C-alpha atoms as a PDB file:
ATOM      1  CA  MET A   1       4.802  14.883   8.887  1.00  0.00           C
ATOM      2  CA  TRP A   2       3.386  11.529   9.957  1.00  0.00           C
ATOM      3  CA  PHE A   3       2.580  10.581  13.493  1.00  0.00           C
ATOM      4  CA  VAL A   4       0.682   8.194  15.752  1.00  0.00           C
ATOM      5  CA  GLU A   5      -0.291   9.497  19.178  1.00  0.00           C
ATOM      6  CA  GLU A   6       1.704   8.092  22.067  1.00  0.00           C
ATOM      7  CA  ARG A   7      -1.505   7.096  23.840  1.00  0.00           C
ATOM      8  CA  GLU A   8      -2.230   4.667  20.982  1.00  0.00           C
ATOM      9  CA  TYR A   9       1.150   2.984  21.413  1.00  0.00           C
ATOM     10  CA  ALA A  10       0.507   2.813  25.166  1.00  0.00           C
ATOM     11  CA  ARG A  11      -2.934   1.266  24.612  1.00  0.00           C
ATOM     12  CA  HIS A  12      -1.489  -1.618  22.620  1.00  0.00           C
ATOM     13  CA  GLU A  13       1.497  -2.027  24.903  1.00  0.00           C
ATOM     14  CA  ALA A  14      -0.920  -2.548  27.798  1.00  0.00           C
ATOM     15  CA  ARG A  15      -2.843  -5.139  25.799  1.00  0.00           C
ATOM     16  CA  ARG A  16      -0.079  -7.209  24.236  1.00  0.00           C
ATOM     17  CA  GLY A  17       3.036  -6.269  26.181  1.00  0.00           C
ATOM     18  CA  ARG A  18       4.931  -4.751  23.266  1.00  0.00           C
ATOM     19  CA  ARG A  19       4.841  -1.604  21.168  1.00  0.00           C
ATOM     20  CA  HIS A  20       4.417  -3.188  17.745  1.00  0.00           C
ATOM     21  CA  ALA A  21       2.224  -6.062  16.648  1.00  0.00           C
ATOM     22  CA  PHE A  22       4.678  -7.648  14.235  1.00  0.00           C
ATOM     23  CA  GLU A  23       8.251  -7.708  15.486  1.00  0.00           C
ATOM     24  CA  HIS A  24       9.530 -10.250  12.958  1.00  0.00           C
ATOM     25  CA  LEU A  25       8.871 -11.163   9.355  1.00  0.00           C
ATOM     26  CA  ASP A  26      10.127 -13.760   6.903  1.00  0.00           C
ATOM     27  CA  PRO A  27      11.105 -11.849   3.728  1.00  0.00           C
ATOM     28  CA  ARG A  28      10.394 -14.924   1.607  1.00  0.00           C
ATOM     29  CA  ARG A  29       6.772 -14.849   2.780  1.00  0.00           C
ATOM     30  CA  THR A  30       6.419 -11.072   2.566  1.00  0.00           C
ATOM     31  CA  ALA A  31       5.086  -8.903  -0.252  1.00  0.00           C
ATOM     32  CA  LEU A  32       5.327  -5.179  -0.860  1.00  0.00           C
ATOM     33  CA  ALA A  33       2.166  -3.727  -2.411  1.00  0.00           C
ATOM     34  CA  VAL A  34       2.666  -0.347  -4.079  1.00  0.00           C
ATOM     35  CA  VAL A  35      -0.776   1.148  -4.633  1.00  0.00           C
ATOM     36  CA  ASP A  36      -1.635   3.566  -7.458  1.00  0.00           C
ATOM     37  CA  VAL A  37       1.727   5.294  -7.969  1.00  0.00           C
ATOM     38  CA  VAL A  38       0.814   6.344 -11.501  1.00  0.00           C
ATOM     39  CA  PRO A  39       1.370   9.648 -13.350  1.00  0.00           C
ATOM     40  CA  PHE A  40      -2.132  10.868 -12.492  1.00  0.00           C
ATOM     41  CA  PHE A  41      -1.079  11.166  -8.836  1.00  0.00           C
ATOM     42  CA  VAL A  42       2.674  11.707  -9.160  1.00  0.00           C
ATOM     43  CA  ARG A  43       2.410  14.580 -11.617  1.00  0.00           C
ATOM     44  CA  ASP A  44       0.256  16.816  -9.431  1.00  0.00           C
ATOM     45  CA  SER A  45       1.393  15.959  -5.906  1.00  0.00           C
ATOM     46  CA  ALA A  46       4.703  16.773  -4.244  1.00  0.00           C
ATOM     47  CA  TYR A  47       3.602  14.444  -1.444  1.00  0.00           C
ATOM     48  CA  VAL A  48       3.479  11.509  -3.844  1.00  0.00           C
ATOM     49  CA  ARG A  49       6.744  12.430  -5.547  1.00  0.00           C
ATOM     50  CA  GLY A  50       8.339  12.548  -2.108  1.00  0.00           C
ATOM     51  CA  ILE A  51       7.565   8.906  -1.288  1.00  0.00           C
ATOM     52  CA  VAL A  52       9.019   7.443  -4.490  1.00  0.00           C
ATOM     53  CA  PRO A  53      12.637   7.107  -3.245  1.00  0.00           C
ATOM     54  CA  ARG A  54      11.451   5.224  -0.151  1.00  0.00           C
ATOM     55  CA  VAL A  55       9.177   2.971  -2.209  1.00  0.00           C
ATOM     56  CA  ASN A  56      12.082   2.119  -4.500  1.00  0.00           C
ATOM     57  CA  LEU A  57      14.343   1.456  -1.519  1.00  0.00           C
ATOM     58  CA  LEU A  58      11.815  -0.920   0.048  1.00  0.00           C
ATOM     59  CA  ALA A  59      11.272  -2.710  -3.246  1.00  0.00           C
ATOM     60  CA  ALA A  60      14.992  -3.251  -3.760  1.00  0.00           C
ATOM     61  CA  ALA A  61      15.533  -4.510  -0.217  1.00  0.00           C
ATOM     62  CA  LEU A  62      12.618  -6.939  -0.183  1.00  0.00           C
ATOM     63  CA  ARG A  63      13.363  -8.204  -3.689  1.00  0.00           C
ATOM     64  CA  SER A  64      16.971  -8.857  -2.725  1.00  0.00           C
ATOM     65  CA  ALA A  65      15.818 -10.762   0.366  1.00  0.00           C
ATOM     66  CA  GLY A  66      13.615 -13.099  -1.671  1.00  0.00           C
ATOM     67  CA  GLY A  67      10.280 -11.328  -1.163  1.00  0.00           C
ATOM     68  CA  VAL A  68       7.598 -10.330  -3.652  1.00  0.00           C
ATOM     69  CA  VAL A  69       7.164  -6.831  -5.047  1.00  0.00           C
ATOM     70  CA  ALA A  70       3.705  -6.058  -6.449  1.00  0.00           C
ATOM     71  CA  TRP A  71       2.835  -2.837  -8.241  1.00  0.00           C
ATOM     72  CA  VAL A  72      -0.898  -2.112  -8.393  1.00  0.00           C
ATOM     73  CA  VAL A  73      -2.512   0.209 -10.934  1.00  0.00           C
ATOM     74  CA  PRO A  74      -6.133   1.351 -11.215  1.00  0.00           C
ATOM     75  CA  GLY A  75      -8.126  -0.203 -14.041  1.00  0.00           C
ATOM     76  CA  TYR A  76     -10.896   1.579 -15.896  1.00  0.00           C
ATOM     77  CA  VAL A  77     -14.467   0.825 -14.901  1.00  0.00           C
ATOM     78  CA  PRO A  78     -17.220   3.127 -16.201  1.00  0.00           C
ATOM     79  CA  PRO A  79     -18.482   5.273 -13.317  1.00  0.00           C
ATOM     80  CA  SER A  80     -21.639   3.972 -11.739  1.00  0.00           C
ATOM     81  CA  ALA A  81     -24.739   6.084 -11.318  1.00  0.00           C
ATOM     82  CA  LYS A  82     -23.856   6.332  -7.633  1.00  0.00           C
ATOM     83  CA  ASP A  83     -20.335   7.599  -8.388  1.00  0.00           C
ATOM     84  CA  ARG A  84     -21.692  10.182 -10.817  1.00  0.00           C
ATOM     85  CA  GLU A  85     -24.146  11.316  -8.175  1.00  0.00           C
ATOM     86  CA  LEU A  86     -21.399  11.449  -5.536  1.00  0.00           C
ATOM     87  CA  PHE A  87     -18.619  13.164  -7.499  1.00  0.00           C
ATOM     88  CA  GLY A  88     -20.360  14.745 -10.499  1.00  0.00           C
ATOM     89  CA  ASP A  89     -19.956  13.444 -14.050  1.00  0.00           C
ATOM     90  CA  GLU A  90     -16.623  15.098 -14.882  1.00  0.00           C
ATOM     91  CA  ILE A  91     -14.765  14.126 -11.713  1.00  0.00           C
ATOM     92  CA  ALA A  92     -16.233  10.619 -11.631  1.00  0.00           C
ATOM     93  CA  GLU A  93     -14.909  10.007 -15.133  1.00  0.00           C
ATOM     94  CA  ARG A  94     -11.554  11.560 -14.279  1.00  0.00           C
ATOM     95  CA  TYR A  95     -11.125   9.281 -11.271  1.00  0.00           C
ATOM     96  CA  ALA A  96     -12.185   6.244 -13.300  1.00  0.00           C
ATOM     97  CA  ARG A  97      -9.445   6.982 -15.850  1.00  0.00           C
ATOM     98  CA  SER A  98      -6.733   7.766 -13.274  1.00  0.00           C
ATOM     99  CA  GLY A  99      -4.798   4.598 -14.116  1.00  0.00           C
ATOM    100  CA  GLY A 100      -4.199   5.610 -17.724  1.00  0.00           C
ATOM    101  CA  ASP A 101      -4.261   3.439 -20.829  1.00  0.00           C
ATOM    102  CA  GLY A 102      -2.196   0.535 -22.069  1.00  0.00           C
ATOM    103  CA  PRO A 103      -0.660  -2.524 -20.387  1.00  0.00           C
ATOM    104  CA  PRO A 104      -0.444  -2.188 -16.583  1.00  0.00           C
ATOM    105  CA  ARG A 105       3.372  -2.206 -16.484  1.00  0.00           C
ATOM    106  CA  GLU A 106       3.523   0.727 -18.897  1.00  0.00           C
ATOM    107  CA  ARG A 107       1.085   2.734 -16.783  1.00  0.00           C
ATOM    108  CA  LEU A 108       3.331   2.895 -13.719  1.00  0.00           C
ATOM    109  CA  ASP A 109       5.119   6.183 -13.130  1.00  0.00           C
ATOM    110  CA  PRO A 110       8.563   6.209 -14.800  1.00  0.00           C
ATOM    111  CA  SER A 111      10.193   7.217 -11.490  1.00  0.00           C
ATOM    112  CA  LEU A 112       9.535   3.750 -10.049  1.00  0.00           C
ATOM    113  CA  ALA A 113      12.310   1.148 -10.124  1.00  0.00           C
ATOM    114  CA  VAL A 114      10.339  -1.826 -11.416  1.00  0.00           C
ATOM    115  CA  ALA A 115      12.176  -5.113 -11.994  1.00  0.00           C
ATOM    116  CA  PRO A 116      11.253  -7.584 -14.764  1.00  0.00           C
ATOM    117  CA  ASP A 117      10.134 -10.296 -12.314  1.00  0.00           C
ATOM    118  CA  ASP A 118       7.963  -8.007 -10.171  1.00  0.00           C
ATOM    119  CA  LEU A 119       4.211  -8.493 -10.227  1.00  0.00           C
ATOM    120  CA  VAL A 120       2.205  -5.749 -11.899  1.00  0.00           C
ATOM    121  CA  VAL A 121      -1.550  -6.063 -11.451  1.00  0.00           C
ATOM    122  CA  GLU A 122      -4.597  -4.029 -12.269  1.00  0.00           C
ATOM    123  CA  LYS A 123      -7.393  -3.490  -9.779  1.00  0.00           C
ATOM    124  CA  THR A 124     -10.919  -2.453 -10.618  1.00  0.00           C
ATOM    125  CA  ALA A 125     -11.957  -1.316  -7.137  1.00  0.00           C
ATOM    126  CA  ARG A 126     -10.341   0.843  -4.484  1.00  0.00           C
ATOM    127  CA  SER A 127      -8.776  -2.259  -2.948  1.00  0.00           C
ATOM    128  CA  ALA A 128      -6.996  -5.073  -4.767  1.00  0.00           C
ATOM    129  CA  TRP A 129      -8.614  -7.387  -2.179  1.00  0.00           C
ATOM    130  CA  SER A 130     -12.193  -6.416  -3.027  1.00  0.00           C
ATOM    131  CA  PRO A 131     -13.901  -9.514  -4.480  1.00  0.00           C
ATOM    132  CA  GLY A 132     -13.139  -9.766  -8.191  1.00  0.00           C
ATOM    133  CA  SER A 133     -10.986  -6.621  -8.197  1.00  0.00           C
ATOM    134  CA  SER A 134      -7.619  -8.204  -9.066  1.00  0.00           C
ATOM    135  CA  ASP A 135      -5.531 -11.355  -9.236  1.00  0.00           C
ATOM    136  CA  LEU A 136      -3.198 -10.167  -6.463  1.00  0.00           C
ATOM    137  CA  PRO A 137      -4.713 -12.134  -3.537  1.00  0.00           C
ATOM    138  CA  ALA A 138      -4.444 -15.397  -5.472  1.00  0.00           C
ATOM    139  CA  LEU A 139      -0.938 -14.617  -6.742  1.00  0.00           C
ATOM    140  CA  LEU A 140       0.316 -13.937  -3.223  1.00  0.00           C
ATOM    141  CA  ALA A 141      -1.473 -16.930  -1.746  1.00  0.00           C
ATOM    142  CA  ALA A 142       0.242 -19.155  -4.323  1.00  0.00           C
ATOM    143  CA  ARG A 143       3.567 -17.784  -3.050  1.00  0.00           C
ATOM    144  CA  GLU A 144       2.542 -18.489   0.570  1.00  0.00           C
ATOM    145  CA  VAL A 145       2.762 -14.813   1.502  1.00  0.00           C
ATOM    146  CA  ASP A 146       1.588 -14.107   5.041  1.00  0.00           C
ATOM    147  CA  THR A 147       2.837 -10.530   5.526  1.00  0.00           C
ATOM    148  CA  LEU A 148       1.978  -7.489   3.427  1.00  0.00           C
ATOM    149  CA  LEU A 149       3.845  -4.170   3.418  1.00  0.00           C
ATOM    150  CA  VAL A 150       1.620  -1.451   2.006  1.00  0.00           C
ATOM    151  CA  THR A 151       2.770   1.780   0.364  1.00  0.00           C
ATOM    152  CA  GLY A 152       1.401   4.200  -2.214  1.00  0.00           C
ATOM    153  CA  THR A 153      -1.408   6.689  -2.596  1.00  0.00           C
ATOM    154  CA  VAL A 154      -3.898   8.008  -1.655  1.00  0.00           C
ATOM    155  CA  THR A 155      -3.325   7.017   1.988  1.00  0.00           C
ATOM    156  CA  ASN A 156      -6.873   7.610   3.172  1.00  0.00           C
ATOM    157  CA  VAL A 157      -8.617   6.073   0.153  1.00  0.00           C
ATOM    158  CA  CYS A 158      -7.138   3.161  -1.825  1.00  0.00           C
ATOM    159  CA  VAL A 159      -4.238   2.523   0.543  1.00  0.00           C
ATOM    160  CA  GLU A 160      -6.482   2.356   3.600  1.00  0.00           C
ATOM    161  CA  HIS A 161      -9.030   0.234   1.780  1.00  0.00           C
ATOM    162  CA  THR A 162      -6.273  -2.177   0.749  1.00  0.00           C
ATOM    163  CA  VAL A 163      -4.993  -2.438   4.330  1.00  0.00           C
ATOM    164  CA  ARG A 164      -8.455  -3.106   5.720  1.00  0.00           C
ATOM    165  CA  ASP A 165      -9.294  -5.793   3.175  1.00  0.00           C
ATOM    166  CA  ALA A 166      -5.911  -7.520   3.319  1.00  0.00           C
ATOM    167  CA  SER A 167      -6.117  -7.603   7.111  1.00  0.00           C
ATOM    168  CA  ALA A 168      -9.629  -9.040   6.935  1.00  0.00           C
ATOM    169  CA  ALA A 169      -8.264 -11.711   4.575  1.00  0.00           C
ATOM    170  CA  GLY A 170      -5.872 -12.828   7.315  1.00  0.00           C
ATOM    171  CA  LEU A 171      -2.611 -11.188   6.273  1.00  0.00           C
ATOM    172  CA  ARG A 172      -0.214  -9.564   8.742  1.00  0.00           C
ATOM    173  CA  VAL A 173      -0.279  -5.997   7.413  1.00  0.00           C
ATOM    174  CA  ILE A 174       2.317  -3.278   7.971  1.00  0.00           C
ATOM    175  CA  LEU A 175       1.482   0.175   6.638  1.00  0.00           C
ATOM    176  CA  VAL A 176       4.712   2.015   5.831  1.00  0.00           C
ATOM    177  CA  ALA A 177       3.947   5.435   7.269  1.00  0.00           C
ATOM    178  CA  ASP A 178       6.436   7.546   5.308  1.00  0.00           C
ATOM    179  CA  ALA A 179       6.041   5.636   2.032  1.00  0.00           C
ATOM    180  CA  CYS A 180       2.372   6.585   1.600  1.00  0.00           C
ATOM    181  CA  ALA A 181       0.943   9.930   0.562  1.00  0.00           C
ATOM    182  CA  ALA A 182      -2.318  11.805   0.959  1.00  0.00           C
ATOM    183  CA  MET A 183      -3.322  15.315  -0.009  1.00  0.00           C
ATOM    184  CA  ARG A 184      -2.940  16.637   3.553  1.00  0.00           C
ATOM    185  CA  ASP A 185      -1.065  15.529   6.666  1.00  0.00           C
ATOM    186  CA  GLN A 186      -4.267  15.327   8.705  1.00  0.00           C
ATOM    187  CA  ASP A 187      -5.835  12.932   6.189  1.00  0.00           C
ATOM    188  CA  HIS A 188      -2.701  10.795   6.141  1.00  0.00           C
ATOM    189  CA  ASN A 189      -2.434  10.653   9.921  1.00  0.00           C
ATOM    190  CA  ALA A 190      -6.101   9.820  10.353  1.00  0.00           C
ATOM    191  CA  THR A 191      -5.491   6.622   8.402  1.00  0.00           C
ATOM    192  CA  LEU A 192      -2.374   5.806  10.428  1.00  0.00           C
ATOM    193  CA  HIS A 193      -4.482   6.108  13.593  1.00  0.00           C
ATOM    194  CA  VAL A 194      -7.204   3.815  12.249  1.00  0.00           C
ATOM    195  CA  VAL A 195      -4.780   1.206  10.941  1.00  0.00           C
ATOM    196  CA  HIS A 196      -2.640   1.127  14.072  1.00  0.00           C
ATOM    197  CA  ARG A 197      -5.685   0.811  16.286  1.00  0.00           C
ATOM    198  CA  SER A 198      -7.592  -1.866  14.403  1.00  0.00           C
ATOM    199  CA  TYR A 199      -5.997  -3.361  11.278  1.00  0.00           C
ATOM    200  CA  GLY A 200      -2.232  -3.775  11.458  1.00  0.00           C
ATOM    201  CA  ASP A 201       1.095  -2.234  12.286  1.00  0.00           C
ATOM    202  CA  VAL A 202       2.392   1.220  11.317  1.00  0.00           C
ATOM    203  CA  ARG A 203       6.132   1.620  10.798  1.00  0.00           C
ATOM    204  CA  PRO A 204       8.485   4.036   9.003  1.00  0.00           C
ATOM    205  CA  THR A 205      10.655   2.861   6.123  1.00  0.00           C
ATOM    206  CA  ALA A 206      13.808   2.601   8.231  1.00  0.00           C
ATOM    207  CA  GLU A 207      12.166   0.187  10.688  1.00  0.00           C
ATOM    208  CA  VAL A 208      10.685  -1.922   7.904  1.00  0.00           C
ATOM    209  CA  LEU A 209      14.108  -2.188   6.268  1.00  0.00           C
ATOM    210  CA  ASP A 210      15.478  -3.384   9.611  1.00  0.00           C
ATOM    211  CA  LEU A 211      12.747  -6.040   9.805  1.00  0.00           C
ATOM    212  CA  VAL A 212      13.594  -7.239   6.310  1.00  0.00           C
ATOM    213  CA  ALA A 213      17.316  -7.353   7.076  1.00  0.00           C
ATOM    214  CA  SER A 214      16.754  -9.171  10.384  1.00  0.00           C
ATOM    215  CA  GLY A 215      14.434 -11.698   8.749  1.00  0.00           C
ATOM    216  CA  ARG A 216      16.960 -12.338   6.052  1.00  0.00           C
ATOM    217  CA  ARG A 217      19.574 -13.325   8.656  1.00  0.00           C
ATOM    218  CA  ASP A 218      17.250 -15.676  10.571  1.00  0.00           C
END
């Protein structure tokens, strides 16, 4: 169960005079980033399996409205000495190989509704916006994207890192609260708190769909 404390909404309302930072979006300048929804995470987590229908719904809606859908998969980088020290050799290697083998499009979980014209990119760091990690920032900049909807897993690791870096790069970021998954509710909600307070907006799928629909009519 996701949630942001009412006092956090009240804090921002007092500062900017409204509950949410981003009340409008242009679908044609909006991208959906789906982070790390690969078999490694889907297979072992009911939380991750539970977000897939909402991810697919968001992708279909934004695609239909002229927006960009980008699926992001982890690429293999040999674990550093630091990572081996932090996680231990076995787990460090397991995490490094979480994205699987083969072309990026084939490494996405089969439950995802990926369209032929969607972007599929590989990242080699926790965030696709880390310098040198992926082509996604350049691909979206070329499409004049100014708003990023973020979904995927794990909420408090790669998803949060992506939100932070994309926000720092100047994008209007909306974290879709019920289309992300962590291992525990408290981990998930801790990220929602941090993002809402300092990096972007936090909205459920239904509200994001309304924003897309409203932007399409404008």
